[in-house]
Structures are given as C-alpha cells and as structure tokens.
Amino acid sequence: MIEVSYREEGVAAAASSVAGRLVADGVPARLAGGDPTLWGEDAEAVAAVRLGWLTLPRTSRELLPELGKLVERARAEGLTNVVLVGMGGSSLAPEVICQTADVPLTVLDTTDPAQVRRALDDLLESTVVVVASKSGSTVETDCHLRIYEQIFTEAGIAPADRIVVVTDHGSPLEQRAIDGGYHLVLAVPDVGGRYSALSAFGLVPSALAGADVERLLDDAEEVLPLLSQDVGNPGLDLGAALGGAALAGRDKLVLEDQLSGINGLPDWIEQLVAESTGKQGRGILPIVNADPNHTHDELIVAIESDDGAVRVDGPLGGQFLVWEYATAVAGLLLEIDPFDQPNVAESKENTAALLALPDLPLGAPTLVDGPVEVYGAVRSHDLPGVLAELLKAIPHDGYLTVMAYLDRLAAFDAPMPEGADFEQMTDAWMMADAATLRALLAIRTNRPVTFGWGPRFLHSTGQYHKGGPQNGVFLQITGAVTDDVAVPGQPYTLGRLQLAQALGDLASLETRGRPAVRLHLTDRATGVAHLLAAAQEV
C-alpha cells in the first residue's frame, strides 16, 4: 500500500488548504470516476480520451494470458536478450520496472550512432526487439525498426520471428506490423504515453525481460479504492503537496530515492511531471540525481526515506498510479491541462525542416578551446569563462539545464587504470561521463542544474523547457561522429538525425530569448575530459 506523509509543517499547511478546496469541489471522486470536465472546457476534449490509466490495474489483466504465451515462446527459442525500441512514455516505465526487478533490458531511446551500434553488436542470435510507439510515427523508433529489420535479414534471421510491436489501433506502425508479420499487441487508446506505465507499453517489454508484471498490477490495484476517498487518499495527498507547494512558489521538485529499493523511479517521474505541467508559462520542474540546495523554491520529495519535506512509501505498481493521479491533481491546481504537450512538436518540425536541407546550417564557432567548439552569443574567451557566464545568467528563480546529444553509456567503455579497485573504476567512469558536468556546475551555483540525454529528454523535460516558466538557461553538447549508422530507406544517417535534433531544439529555445550555448566536441572522449576540467576551473 502507498503512504504519503508530510515531514514539514509549511508543506502540510499548504497541502491541507488546497486539499480542502479540492474535496469541497468533489474532485477525488470525480477524478477517480474519470470526469473529463475537471480541467475546464478547453481541456475537456483531450481529457475525455486520456483517462484510461485510472482503470489499468484491472483492465491490463486481460493482457496477462497473451504475455504468458509470448514469454513462453521467447524462452523456448532462447531469446533472452530483450531490446526495447521506444521513446519517453514507451521506454521510461519499463526501464524502471526492469531495474527494480533486477532483470536485463536494453533500452534504445537514442539516435547516437555509437550507442545504437553497441546494441546491434550485442547477442543478436538471442535478441528479441520490442518496438513501442503510441503514435506509430516516432522518428527515432522508425529508424531503429528499419535498422533491426535490415540487420536481422542480413544475419539470415526472419524479422517476423524477432520483432514485437506495441502501438495504438490505426497507427502507421500497426499496419507495418501486419505487413511484416510481427507479433502485434494493441494498447488501449485512451491512455497518453506518459501515463502508460501499467499498459501494454510498460508490461510487454518488462514481462519479456523477466519482471513479475502481475505483481505490479496487484500492487496498483490495492490503491484503486483509495483514490475516490476524501481522506486517506495518497494520490490526493501527494497532488495537494505538489500543487500547493508550486502555488506557494516552491515549483522545483527535488526527487530523492537513494534509500529506496525502487531503482530509477525519479527518471519516470521527471517525464510525467515536467511534460504534464510545463506549459502556459507555468509548471513544476523535477530535479533528478541532484543534492538539494535548500533554496526558497525547492520541494524535496523522498521515496521511502525521511530526507524530504514529503515522503512516499510503497511498491512500484502503486507508486506509478499515485504519481499519475497526483500529477493530474497538480495540473488542476495550476490551471493547466495535464494531458496535452503543445510545445513538443516544435523541435520535431524544426528537425524535419533541417533534414530536408542539403547541408545542416552549422555556422562558425564563436571560439574554440582545444577539442571544444563554442557556438552562441558569449563574451568569454575560454571554456571556463563560458561556463561561468552561463551560471551568472541564471535568474534568481531559474535553472540551468545541460542537454547532451552523446552516447550515455560511453563512460563504461573508458579505459581503467591497471589493477584499479572499484572506487578507482568509479572515479574513472565519472571523469569520462558527460553527466558528471551537472554535479560540477551544481556546486558552483545555488540554483538547480538539471541534465538530460538528447533526444531522450525531448520526450520528457523538453516540453517544460519551452512551455514552462521562461527562466531557464541552456547548455547543449553535441559531438563529432566517427562511425555513423545508415538508416535503411531514409536519406539521412543516425548521426545527421542526432545533430538535426539538437539544432532543431536549440532553435526552438533561442526563439524564446533565453541564454543558450552549444558546445561541439570535435573529439568526444578528449572533449568530455576537457569540458569537465574546464568546469572545475570555474
């Protein structure tokens, strides 16, 4: 069972105040009953076809017999290497489910050639690929499917024996699965991507990887009766805390899970909250893998520990459902529609326009510091100065975000010192990992610093960056590609697509007048090392 408790009087008071208003309006029972009118007339049409997640703990049980047969067949054929091809809501929940269950799952939510090539070269003879896309037109997923179709065929393996498709009825991917003879699982249509953890999108790859998805549904179903209650309703308690704190100016949500047995839940919460609330100049900014600064606008929520102002306890299935409910409540309090994503299409359209050009418009760097080229309006003459400039540009209520269009697993390929122990290996990995930049910059400011791997974050915090409060400062990192991957049937490679996605998103950010700088690593390994060294000089 899920329990939400307040560890701070100010949060308890703010939550109590807004919860009282919500109860007076009958919100708990109306939300649990799937009332689409809650978020106003403008949001009603979208909400009417996006509330199916409320009953998934029961309705998804219809999938269990089919999943049992699918798993049995895969095991009989020795298909133990499960690769999930999907973006955002199609991959983040299965990643958490499998990490928590300690079962292996390779998630391909990237256009980085090196990261994709690593997956392609790994255990192809025992690989089953789950291709997941609600719309059926996600560009990254389409590329990965094309590549796997070709590599299976070249290896003498029938793609129809190795590919499982999860999509909505009527999508282009459904027809493609039918034409290709792939195993097809249709998801329920009235569930948005980021609310789909307990749907076929979460369950199919997780079951194939070996997770106990029936137990996941059991844990979620235990929570269902509580969600219509005015008292003792964990979804209402958490939503009132999130929304009440945001209304009081505490709109930076620091997620703490170091003591939790659930592995990676903040990454899933980040997409759910950021993409659901970041619009119309409002929103709640989740901060993952960061030590809190304890500033005036932070709310620390801890998973299974007392380290936050709010504590959330309980198993993963219940956590999924309660956070979804709470996010819908927070959207109501912020007076936004938690089910649309009006700004996500901007970067996609920019990317498509760039790919249609003969050459990408790279421009000339403002300065070059070793293996790092700097693009953007900067006054500094070296890389430490550029980083310092960006930190100074953060408003008193703002944040800095680092967006790295690189291989997020590259650090694990870094050479280790001979005879290195675990601590030395960890240090070596960190100093080869671009994500370490977040921590190095965070200790040099009292403002939040977030980090996202591109294009993964475009399906997550990308909506918040463009639709939320316009107080962000943006540092983008791209890198030279030395071993590209062709996309069968398309006029571009993965490397070209990755760079076009970066440039397209940067253009979208720049139109909002916020500080934005791109750093291009002419050599990735030495570039990351040089960048981290520069951050330590700031």
Protein backbone atom coordinates (compact mmCIF):
# COMPACT_ATOMS: atom_id res chain seq x y z
CA MET A 1 0.00 0.00 0.00
CA ILE A 2 1.13 3.55 -0.70
CA GLU A 3 1.52 6.06 2.10
CA VAL A 4 2.20 9.78 1.70
CA SER A 5 3.36 11.73 4.74
CA TYR A 6 4.37 15.34 5.26
CA ARG A 7 7.62 15.98 7.13
CA GLU A 8 7.40 19.76 7.17
CA GLU A 9 4.70 21.99 8.70
CA GLY A 10 4.71 24.50 5.86
CA VAL A 11 4.07 21.80 3.26
CA ALA A 12 1.37 20.23 5.42
CA ALA A 13 -0.40 23.57 5.81
CA ALA A 14 -0.27 24.40 2.08
CA ALA A 15 -1.42 20.90 1.14
CA SER A 16 -4.26 20.97 3.67
CA SER A 17 -5.51 24.28 2.33
CA VAL A 18 -5.72 23.19 -1.30
CA ALA A 19 -6.95 19.69 -0.41
CA GLY A 20 -9.88 21.25 1.41
CA ARG A 21 -10.85 23.15 -1.75
CA LEU A 22 -10.50 20.03 -3.85
CA VAL A 23 -12.65 17.95 -1.53
CA ALA A 24 -15.30 20.68 -1.43
CA ASP A 25 -15.46 20.50 -5.23
CA GLY A 26 -15.79 16.71 -5.15
CA VAL A 27 -12.50 16.27 -7.02
CA PRO A 28 -11.37 12.92 -5.55
CA ALA A 29 -14.49 11.02 -6.56
CA ARG A 30 -14.81 12.89 -9.87
CA LEU A 31 -11.20 12.17 -10.84
CA ALA A 32 -11.37 8.53 -9.79
CA GLY A 33 -14.54 8.26 -11.85
CA GLY A 34 -12.85 9.69 -14.94
CA ASP A 35 -14.65 13.06 -15.13
CA PRO A 36 -13.08 14.90 -18.12
CA THR A 37 -14.61 18.26 -17.17
CA LEU A 38 -12.30 18.77 -14.18
CA TRP A 39 -9.65 20.75 -16.08
CA GLY A 40 -12.02 23.14 -17.82
CA GLU A 41 -13.80 23.43 -21.12
CA ASP A 42 -10.64 23.85 -23.22
CA ALA A 43 -9.12 20.65 -21.85
CA GLU A 44 -12.25 18.51 -21.86
CA ALA A 45 -11.87 17.03 -25.34
CA VAL A 46 -8.33 15.80 -24.65
CA ALA A 47 -9.10 14.62 -21.12
CA ALA A 48 -12.09 12.62 -22.39
CA VAL A 49 -9.71 10.30 -24.28
CA ARG A 50 -6.82 10.32 -21.80
CA LEU A 51 -8.21 8.96 -18.51
CA GLY A 52 -7.97 5.23 -19.18
CA TRP A 53 -4.92 4.96 -16.91
CA LEU A 54 -7.27 5.10 -13.91
CA THR A 55 -8.51 1.56 -14.57
CA LEU A 56 -5.35 -0.06 -15.98
CA PRO A 57 -4.64 -2.11 -12.81
CA ARG A 58 -7.78 -4.07 -13.72
CA THR A 59 -8.11 -3.78 -17.49
CA SER A 60 -4.45 -4.65 -18.18
CA ARG A 61 -5.03 -8.08 -16.66
CA GLU A 62 -6.58 -9.03 -19.99
CA LEU A 63 -3.04 -8.95 -21.38
CA LEU A 64 -1.61 -11.49 -18.95
CA PRO A 65 -2.52 -14.69 -20.88
CA GLU A 66 -1.08 -13.26 -24.10
CA LEU A 67 2.05 -12.11 -22.27
CA GLY A 68 2.45 -15.57 -20.74
CA LYS A 69 2.41 -17.18 -24.18
CA LEU A 70 4.77 -14.56 -25.62
CA VAL A 71 7.27 -15.09 -22.82
CA GLU A 72 6.99 -18.88 -23.09
CA ARG A 73 7.69 -18.77 -26.82
CA ALA A 74 10.67 -16.42 -26.39
CA ARG A 75 12.20 -18.64 -23.72
CA ALA A 76 11.66 -21.77 -25.82
CA GLU A 77 13.53 -20.11 -28.69
CA GLY A 78 16.36 -18.90 -26.46
CA LEU A 79 15.51 -15.20 -26.89
CA THR A 80 16.90 -13.83 -23.66
CA ASN A 81 18.33 -10.50 -24.86
CA VAL A 82 15.41 -8.08 -24.82
CA VAL A 83 15.86 -4.75 -26.62
CA LEU A 84 13.20 -2.08 -26.22
CA VAL A 85 12.94 0.48 -29.01
CA GLY A 86 10.82 3.40 -27.81
CA MET A 87 10.90 6.97 -26.59
CA GLY A 88 9.55 8.74 -23.50
CA GLY A 89 6.49 7.03 -22.09
CA SER A 90 7.18 3.97 -24.23
CA SER A 91 10.50 3.24 -22.53
CA LEU A 92 10.90 5.02 -19.18
CA ALA A 93 8.45 2.85 -17.21
CA PRO A 94 9.82 -0.49 -18.48
CA GLU A 95 13.30 0.74 -17.65
CA VAL A 96 12.27 1.37 -14.01
CA ILE A 97 10.32 -1.89 -13.79
CA CYS A 98 13.24 -3.97 -15.02
CA GLN A 99 15.90 -2.16 -13.00
CA THR A 100 13.81 -2.63 -9.86
CA ALA A 101 13.20 -6.31 -10.66
CA ASP A 102 16.92 -6.69 -11.48
CA VAL A 103 16.26 -8.19 -14.90
CA PRO A 104 18.23 -7.13 -18.00
CA LEU A 105 16.63 -4.82 -20.57
CA THR A 106 18.43 -2.82 -23.25
CA VAL A 107 16.60 0.46 -23.87
CA LEU A 108 17.25 2.22 -27.19
CA ASP A 109 15.88 5.74 -26.79
CA THR A 110 18.67 7.49 -28.63
CA THR A 111 19.85 8.42 -32.09
CA ASP A 112 23.51 8.30 -31.05
CA PRO A 113 25.28 6.03 -33.57
CA ALA A 114 27.75 4.58 -31.06
CA GLN A 115 25.07 3.67 -28.54
CA VAL A 116 22.88 2.09 -31.23
CA ARG A 117 25.82 0.21 -32.74
CA ARG A 118 26.67 -1.23 -29.31
CA ALA A 119 23.17 -2.69 -29.04
CA LEU A 120 23.28 -4.04 -32.59
CA ASP A 121 26.55 -5.85 -31.91
CA ASP A 122 25.29 -7.47 -28.70
CA LEU A 123 23.89 -11.03 -28.72
CA LEU A 124 21.95 -10.76 -31.96
CA GLU A 125 21.34 -14.52 -32.08
CA SER A 126 19.34 -14.33 -28.83
CA THR A 127 17.73 -10.91 -29.35
CA VAL A 128 14.03 -10.08 -29.37
CA VAL A 129 13.13 -6.46 -30.14
CA VAL A 130 10.06 -4.72 -28.75
CA VAL A 131 9.13 -1.73 -30.93
CA ALA A 132 6.85 0.60 -28.97
CA SER A 133 5.20 3.81 -30.16
CA LYS A 134 1.73 5.10 -29.36
CA SER A 135 1.53 7.32 -32.43
CA GLY A 136 3.39 4.83 -34.59
CA SER A 137 5.27 7.67 -36.24
CA THR A 138 8.06 8.43 -33.76
CA VAL A 139 11.12 9.15 -35.90
CA GLU A 140 13.69 7.54 -33.59
CA THR A 141 11.62 4.36 -33.27
CA ASP A 142 11.07 4.20 -37.02
CA CYS A 143 14.84 4.41 -37.58
CA HIS A 144 15.60 1.67 -35.08
CA LEU A 145 12.97 -0.63 -36.58
CA ARG A 146 14.39 -0.13 -40.08
CA ILE A 147 17.90 -0.86 -38.83
CA TYR A 148 16.90 -4.02 -36.96
CA GLU A 149 14.86 -5.28 -39.90
CA GLN A 150 17.97 -5.00 -42.06
CA ILE A 151 20.42 -6.48 -39.58
CA PHE A 152 18.18 -9.48 -38.86
CA THR A 153 17.70 -10.10 -42.58
CA GLU A 154 21.44 -9.85 -43.28
CA ALA A 155 22.07 -12.37 -40.49
CA GLY A 156 19.62 -14.83 -42.03
CA ILE A 157 17.06 -14.26 -39.28
CA ALA A 158 13.43 -13.62 -40.18
CA PRO A 159 12.46 -10.27 -38.62
CA ALA A 160 8.94 -11.60 -38.02
CA ASP A 161 10.44 -14.13 -35.58
CA ARG A 162 12.18 -11.45 -33.53
CA ILE A 163 10.07 -8.28 -33.53
CA VAL A 164 7.14 -7.49 -31.23
CA VAL A 165 5.19 -4.29 -31.87
CA VAL A 166 3.21 -2.32 -29.28
CA THR A 167 1.12 0.54 -30.66
CA ASP A 168 -2.37 2.02 -30.87
CA HIS A 169 -5.03 0.77 -33.25
CA GLY A 170 -4.97 2.69 -36.51
CA SER A 171 -1.38 3.88 -36.23
CA PRO A 172 1.07 3.54 -39.14
CA LEU A 173 3.05 1.10 -37.02
CA GLU A 174 0.05 -1.21 -36.69
CA GLN A 175 -0.18 -1.61 -40.45
CA ARG A 176 3.58 -2.05 -40.69
CA ALA A 177 3.42 -4.83 -38.11
CA ILE A 178 0.63 -6.55 -40.03
CA ASP A 179 2.54 -6.26 -43.31
CA GLY A 180 5.72 -7.57 -41.70
CA GLY A 181 4.05 -10.43 -39.85
CA TYR A 182 5.26 -9.15 -36.49
CA HIS A 183 3.65 -10.09 -33.20
CA LEU A 184 1.30 -7.16 -32.55
CA VAL A 185 -0.03 -6.00 -29.20
CA LEU A 186 -2.54 -3.15 -29.38
CA ALA A 187 -2.59 -0.77 -26.43
CA VAL A 188 -5.73 0.78 -25.01
CA PRO A 189 -6.29 4.04 -26.92
CA ASP A 190 -7.46 6.27 -24.05
CA VAL A 191 -4.12 6.43 -22.24
CA GLY A 192 -1.45 9.04 -23.00
CA GLY A 193 2.14 7.95 -23.38
CA ARG A 194 3.47 9.26 -20.08
CA TYR A 195 0.54 7.70 -18.18
CA SER A 196 1.03 4.30 -19.81
CA ALA A 197 3.25 2.55 -17.23
CA LEU A 198 0.64 -0.09 -16.41
CA SER A 199 -0.49 -0.55 -20.02
CA ALA A 200 0.93 -2.76 -22.75
CA PHE A 201 3.76 -0.23 -23.19
CA GLY A 202 5.03 -0.95 -19.70
CA LEU A 203 4.08 -4.60 -19.41
CA VAL A 204 5.13 -6.22 -22.71
CA PRO A 205 8.89 -5.48 -22.61
CA SER A 206 9.01 -5.94 -18.83
CA ALA A 207 7.38 -9.36 -19.00
CA LEU A 208 9.72 -10.48 -21.79
CA ALA A 209 12.69 -9.33 -19.71
CA GLY A 210 11.51 -11.42 -16.75
CA ALA A 211 9.73 -8.96 -14.45
CA ASP A 212 6.64 -10.04 -12.48
CA VAL A 213 4.09 -7.77 -14.13
CA GLU A 214 1.11 -9.44 -12.46
CA ARG A 215 2.51 -8.43 -9.08
CA LEU A 216 2.91 -4.90 -10.43
CA LEU A 217 -0.81 -4.81 -11.26
CA ASP A 218 -1.70 -6.33 -7.90
CA ASP A 219 0.17 -3.58 -6.06
CA ALA A 220 -1.51 -0.89 -8.16
CA GLU A 221 -4.97 -2.38 -7.71
CA GLU A 222 -4.63 -2.19 -3.93
CA VAL A 223 -4.51 1.59 -4.27
CA LEU A 224 -7.55 1.96 -6.55
CA PRO A 225 -10.26 2.04 -3.83
CA LEU A 226 -8.41 4.85 -2.02
CA LEU A 227 -8.38 7.23 -4.97
CA SER A 228 -12.04 8.21 -4.64
CA GLN A 229 -11.75 9.00 -0.93
CA ASP A 230 -11.63 12.47 0.60
CA VAL A 231 -9.42 11.26 3.47
CA GLY A 232 -6.63 8.70 3.35
CA ASN A 233 -6.18 9.20 -0.40
CA PRO A 234 -2.45 9.05 -1.24
CA GLY A 235 -2.98 10.50 -4.72
CA LEU A 236 -4.83 13.48 -3.29
CA ASP A 237 -2.25 13.92 -0.51
CA LEU A 238 0.67 13.90 -2.94
CA GLY A 239 -1.08 16.04 -5.56
CA ALA A 240 -2.07 18.62 -2.95
CA ALA A 241 1.54 18.77 -1.76
CA LEU A 242 2.94 19.21 -5.27
CA GLY A 243 0.34 21.72 -6.40
CA GLY A 244 0.10 23.58 -3.10
CA ALA A 245 3.86 23.99 -2.90
CA ALA A 246 4.07 25.18 -6.52
CA LEU A 247 1.36 27.77 -5.94
CA ALA A 248 3.36 28.98 -2.95
CA GLY A 249 6.47 29.41 -5.12
CA ARG A 250 8.12 26.04 -4.45
CA ASP A 251 7.99 24.81 -8.03
CA LYS A 252 11.34 22.95 -8.17
CA LEU A 253 10.68 19.31 -7.31
CA VAL A 254 13.82 17.60 -5.97
CA LEU A 255 13.37 13.82 -6.14
CA GLU A 256 15.31 11.80 -3.56
CA ASP A 257 15.47 7.99 -3.83
CA GLN A 258 18.90 6.93 -2.58
CA LEU A 259 17.47 4.69 0.17
CA SER A 260 14.69 3.20 -1.93
CA GLY A 261 14.56 -0.34 -3.23
CA ILE A 262 12.85 1.04 -6.33
CA ASN A 263 15.53 1.75 -8.91
CA GLY A 264 15.22 4.75 -11.24
CA LEU A 265 11.71 5.98 -10.41
CA PRO A 266 12.72 9.70 -10.50
CA ASP A 267 13.56 9.43 -14.22
CA TRP A 268 9.99 8.29 -14.89
CA ILE A 269 8.51 10.92 -12.56
CA GLU A 270 10.57 13.58 -14.34
CA GLN A 271 8.80 12.99 -17.64
CA LEU A 272 5.37 12.61 -16.07
CA VAL A 273 5.54 15.85 -14.08
CA ALA A 274 7.56 18.03 -16.47
CA GLU A 275 5.63 17.18 -19.62
CA SER A 276 2.27 17.28 -17.85
CA THR A 277 2.68 20.59 -16.02
CA GLY A 278 5.22 22.61 -18.05
CA LYS A 279 3.00 24.79 -20.21
CA GLN A 280 1.37 28.24 -20.40
CA GLY A 281 4.37 29.69 -18.58
CA ARG A 282 3.72 27.54 -15.51
CA GLY A 283 4.90 24.19 -14.27
CA ILE A 284 6.81 22.06 -11.81
CA LEU A 285 10.46 21.33 -12.66
CA PRO A 286 11.65 17.89 -11.47
CA ILE A 287 15.32 17.69 -10.46
CA VAL A 288 16.86 14.22 -10.61
CA ASN A 289 20.19 12.92 -9.26
CA ALA A 290 20.96 16.20 -7.50
CA ASP A 291 21.71 17.22 -3.96
CA PRO A 292 19.15 19.82 -2.84
CA ASN A 293 20.28 23.42 -2.44
CA HIS A 294 17.55 24.04 0.15
CA THR A 295 16.53 27.24 -1.60
CA HIS A 296 13.21 29.03 -1.26
CA ASP A 297 11.66 27.39 -4.32
CA GLU A 298 12.57 23.72 -3.74
CA LEU A 299 10.25 20.95 -2.58
CA ILE A 300 12.08 17.74 -1.69
CA VAL A 301 10.04 14.56 -2.11
CA ALA A 302 11.74 11.39 -0.91
CA ILE A 303 10.89 7.85 -1.96
CA GLU A 304 10.95 5.65 1.16
CA SER A 305 13.11 7.94 3.30
CA ASP A 306 12.78 10.88 5.69
CA ASP A 307 15.14 13.09 3.68
CA GLY A 308 12.39 15.23 2.19
CA ALA A 309 9.51 17.51 3.05
CA VAL A 310 7.22 14.80 1.65
CA ARG A 311 7.74 11.05 1.96
CA VAL A 312 6.15 8.49 -0.39
CA ASP A 313 6.27 4.82 0.62
CA GLY A 314 5.06 1.75 -1.19
CA PRO A 315 5.68 -0.71 -4.05
CA LEU A 316 6.33 0.31 -7.63
CA GLY A 317 2.90 -0.53 -9.07
CA GLY A 318 1.20 1.69 -6.50
CA GLN A 319 3.80 4.42 -6.97
CA PHE A 320 3.02 4.58 -10.69
CA LEU A 321 -0.71 5.04 -10.13
CA VAL A 322 -0.40 7.51 -7.24
CA TRP A 323 2.10 9.75 -9.06
CA GLU A 324 -0.17 9.78 -12.13
CA TYR A 325 -3.17 10.77 -10.01
CA ALA A 326 -1.12 13.37 -8.12
CA THR A 327 0.14 14.90 -11.36
CA ALA A 328 -3.43 15.23 -12.64
CA VAL A 329 -4.36 16.95 -9.36
CA ALA A 330 -1.36 19.29 -9.57
CA GLY A 331 -2.37 20.24 -13.11
CA LEU A 332 -5.84 21.10 -11.85
CA LEU A 333 -4.39 23.34 -9.14
CA LEU A 334 -2.06 25.06 -11.63
CA GLU A 335 -4.99 25.50 -14.03
CA ILE A 336 -3.35 23.70 -16.93
CA ASP A 337 -4.25 20.62 -18.98
CA PRO A 338 -2.03 17.77 -17.70
CA PHE A 339 -2.71 15.58 -20.74
CA ASP A 340 -1.53 17.64 -23.71
CA GLN A 341 2.01 18.61 -24.83
CA PRO A 342 1.55 21.68 -27.04
CA ASN A 343 5.24 22.53 -27.48
CA VAL A 344 6.70 19.10 -28.18
CA ALA A 345 6.01 19.34 -31.90
CA GLU A 346 8.17 22.47 -32.31
CA SER A 347 11.50 20.70 -32.14
CA LYS A 348 10.20 17.83 -34.30
CA GLU A 349 9.12 20.25 -37.01
CA ASN A 350 12.45 22.09 -36.83
CA THR A 351 14.30 18.79 -37.15
CA ALA A 352 12.28 17.74 -40.18
CA ALA A 353 12.95 21.08 -41.87
CA LEU A 354 16.69 20.79 -41.22
CA LEU A 355 16.84 17.24 -42.57
CA ALA A 356 15.27 18.48 -45.79
CA LEU A 357 18.24 20.81 -46.40
CA PRO A 358 21.26 19.69 -48.45
CA ASP A 359 23.55 20.54 -45.52
CA LEU A 360 22.89 21.33 -41.88
CA PRO A 361 23.44 25.05 -41.09
CA LEU A 362 26.24 24.71 -38.55
CA GLY A 363 27.64 28.25 -38.74
CA ALA A 364 31.06 29.24 -37.39
CA PRO A 365 32.10 28.77 -33.76
CA THR A 366 32.35 31.84 -31.57
CA LEU A 367 35.52 30.41 -30.08
CA VAL A 368 37.50 27.17 -30.00
CA ASP A 369 39.04 25.83 -26.80
CA GLY A 370 41.00 22.66 -27.55
CA PRO A 371 38.60 19.92 -28.72
CA VAL A 372 35.54 22.05 -27.85
CA GLU A 373 33.89 24.47 -30.26
CA VAL A 374 31.57 27.07 -28.72
CA TYR A 375 28.52 28.32 -30.64
CA GLY A 376 26.37 31.13 -29.30
CA ALA A 377 26.41 34.71 -28.05
CA VAL A 378 29.19 34.58 -25.45
CA ARG A 379 31.69 37.24 -24.37
CA SER A 380 34.25 34.97 -22.73
CA HIS A 381 37.46 33.88 -24.43
CA ASP A 382 37.84 30.40 -22.96
CA LEU A 383 35.65 27.48 -21.88
CA PRO A 384 35.75 28.09 -18.10
CA GLY A 385 34.64 31.66 -18.81
CA VAL A 386 31.74 30.46 -20.96
CA LEU A 387 30.53 28.13 -18.21
CA ALA A 388 30.84 30.90 -15.62
CA GLU A 389 28.90 33.22 -17.92
CA LEU A 390 26.04 30.75 -18.15
CA LEU A 391 25.93 30.26 -14.39
CA LYS A 392 25.72 34.01 -13.85
CA ALA A 393 22.86 34.23 -16.34
CA ILE A 394 20.54 32.04 -14.23
CA PRO A 395 17.73 34.18 -12.74
CA HIS A 396 17.01 34.08 -9.00
CA ASP A 397 14.06 31.77 -9.70
CA GLY A 398 15.58 29.98 -12.69
CA TYR A 399 17.63 26.93 -13.53
CA LEU A 400 20.41 25.66 -15.80
CA THR A 401 19.91 22.57 -17.89
CA VAL A 402 22.64 20.57 -19.63
CA MET A 403 21.47 18.71 -22.74
CA ALA A 404 23.95 16.15 -24.08
CA TYR A 405 23.42 14.62 -27.51
CA LEU A 406 26.00 11.92 -26.86
CA ASP A 407 26.32 8.23 -26.02
CA ARG A 408 25.03 7.92 -22.44
CA LEU A 409 26.85 4.62 -21.97
CA ALA A 410 30.20 5.73 -23.38
CA ALA A 411 31.80 6.20 -19.97
CA PHE A 412 31.59 2.46 -19.30
CA ASP A 413 33.94 1.93 -22.23
CA ALA A 414 36.54 4.25 -20.71
CA PRO A 415 39.96 2.63 -20.11
CA MET A 416 40.53 1.65 -16.48
CA PRO A 417 43.81 2.06 -14.58
CA GLU A 418 45.67 -1.25 -14.37
CA GLY A 419 44.73 -3.05 -11.17
CA ALA A 420 42.09 -0.44 -10.31
CA ASP A 421 39.74 -1.16 -7.42
CA PHE A 422 36.01 -0.38 -7.53
CA GLU A 423 36.44 3.16 -6.20
CA GLN A 424 39.11 3.96 -8.76
CA MET A 425 36.96 2.49 -11.54
CA THR A 426 34.01 4.60 -10.40
CA ASP A 427 36.17 7.74 -10.43
CA ALA A 428 37.42 6.90 -13.93
CA TRP A 429 33.87 6.39 -15.20
CA MET A 430 32.71 9.67 -13.70
CA MET A 431 35.51 11.66 -15.29
CA ALA A 432 34.64 10.16 -18.69
CA ASP A 433 30.89 10.74 -18.27
CA ALA A 434 29.36 13.94 -19.61
CA ALA A 435 26.65 13.67 -16.92
CA THR A 436 29.34 14.50 -14.33
CA LEU A 437 29.18 18.05 -15.67
CA ARG A 438 25.87 18.56 -13.89
CA ALA A 439 27.40 17.91 -10.48
CA LEU A 440 30.46 20.05 -11.21
CA LEU A 441 28.30 23.01 -12.20
CA ALA A 442 25.75 22.47 -9.42
CA ILE A 443 28.32 23.07 -6.69
CA ARG A 444 29.11 26.44 -8.26
CA THR A 445 25.59 27.85 -8.04
CA ASN A 446 22.70 27.86 -5.60
CA ARG A 447 20.25 27.34 -8.44
CA PRO A 448 19.07 23.96 -9.76
CA VAL A 449 21.08 22.27 -12.51
CA THR A 450 19.35 19.53 -14.47
CA PHE A 451 20.75 17.12 -17.03
CA GLY A 452 19.21 15.31 -19.97
CA TRP A 453 20.47 12.98 -22.70
CA GLY A 454 19.25 14.00 -26.14
CA PRO A 455 16.96 13.16 -27.79
CA ARG A 456 15.63 11.23 -24.77
CA PHE A 457 14.81 14.42 -22.84
CA LEU A 458 12.87 15.88 -25.79
CA HIS A 459 10.14 13.40 -24.91
CA SER A 460 10.35 14.43 -21.25
CA THR A 461 11.56 17.79 -19.96
CA GLY A 462 11.62 19.25 -23.48
CA GLN A 463 8.00 20.35 -23.07
CA TYR A 464 8.82 22.15 -19.81
CA HIS A 465 11.84 23.93 -21.33
CA LYS A 466 9.64 25.53 -23.97
CA GLY A 467 6.20 25.70 -22.36
CA GLY A 468 7.04 26.22 -18.69
CA PRO A 469 8.33 29.32 -16.89
CA GLN A 470 10.79 31.12 -19.16
CA ASN A 471 13.63 31.27 -16.65
CA GLY A 472 15.90 28.53 -17.99
CA VAL A 473 19.50 28.75 -19.19
CA PHE A 474 20.52 26.09 -21.69
CA LEU A 475 23.84 24.37 -22.36
CA GLN A 476 23.76 21.94 -25.26
CA ILE A 477 26.55 19.45 -26.04
CA THR A 478 27.00 17.71 -29.38
CA GLY A 479 29.85 15.58 -30.64
CA ALA A 480 31.60 14.50 -33.81
CA VAL A 481 30.54 11.13 -35.23
CA THR A 482 33.31 8.84 -36.43
CA ASP A 483 31.35 5.65 -37.12
CA ASP A 484 27.88 6.52 -38.35
CA VAL A 485 24.90 4.22 -38.85
CA ALA A 486 22.85 4.36 -42.05
CA VAL A 487 19.06 4.35 -41.80
CA PRO A 488 17.66 1.99 -44.46
CA GLY A 489 15.18 3.69 -46.76
CA GLN A 490 15.96 7.18 -45.48
CA PRO A 491 18.25 9.86 -46.96
CA TYR A 492 19.96 10.51 -43.62
CA THR A 493 22.13 8.67 -41.11
CA LEU A 494 21.62 8.46 -37.36
CA GLY A 495 24.45 10.95 -36.86
CA ARG A 496 22.83 13.50 -39.13
CA LEU A 497 19.46 12.97 -37.43
CA GLN A 498 21.01 13.38 -33.98
CA LEU A 499 22.65 16.67 -34.93
CA ALA A 500 19.48 17.91 -36.65
CA GLN A 501 17.52 17.14 -33.49
CA ALA A 502 19.99 19.14 -31.42
CA LEU A 503 19.97 22.10 -33.78
CA GLY A 504 16.19 21.98 -34.11
CA ASP A 505 15.64 22.06 -30.36
CA LEU A 506 18.24 24.80 -29.92
CA ALA A 507 16.42 26.94 -32.48
CA SER A 508 13.18 26.45 -30.59
CA LEU A 509 14.82 27.57 -27.34
CA GLU A 510 16.53 30.54 -28.95
CA THR A 511 13.21 31.92 -30.23
CA ARG A 512 12.24 32.42 -26.58
CA GLY A 513 15.18 34.72 -25.94
CA ARG A 514 16.75 32.57 -23.23
CA PRO A 515 20.56 32.16 -22.94
CA ALA A 516 21.55 29.11 -24.97
CA VAL A 517 25.01 27.87 -25.94
CA ARG A 518 26.09 24.82 -27.93
CA LEU A 519 29.39 23.11 -27.24
CA HIS A 520 30.56 20.78 -30.00
CA LEU A 521 33.17 18.16 -29.16
CA THR A 522 35.42 17.61 -32.18
CA ASP A 523 36.71 14.51 -30.40
CA ARG A 524 34.23 13.05 -27.96
CA ALA A 525 36.49 11.39 -25.42
CA THR A 526 39.03 14.19 -25.13
CA GLY A 527 36.24 16.74 -25.45
CA VAL A 528 34.37 15.39 -22.42
CA ALA A 529 37.58 15.31 -20.38
CA HIS A 530 38.43 18.87 -21.45
CA LEU A 531 34.92 20.07 -20.62
CA LEU A 532 34.95 18.51 -17.15
CA ALA A 533 38.38 20.00 -16.47
CA ALA A 534 37.11 23.42 -17.53
CA ALA A 535 34.12 23.09 -15.18
CA GLN A 536 36.50 22.54 -12.27
CA GLU A 537 38.23 25.84 -13.11
CA VAL A 538 35.06 27.94 -12.95
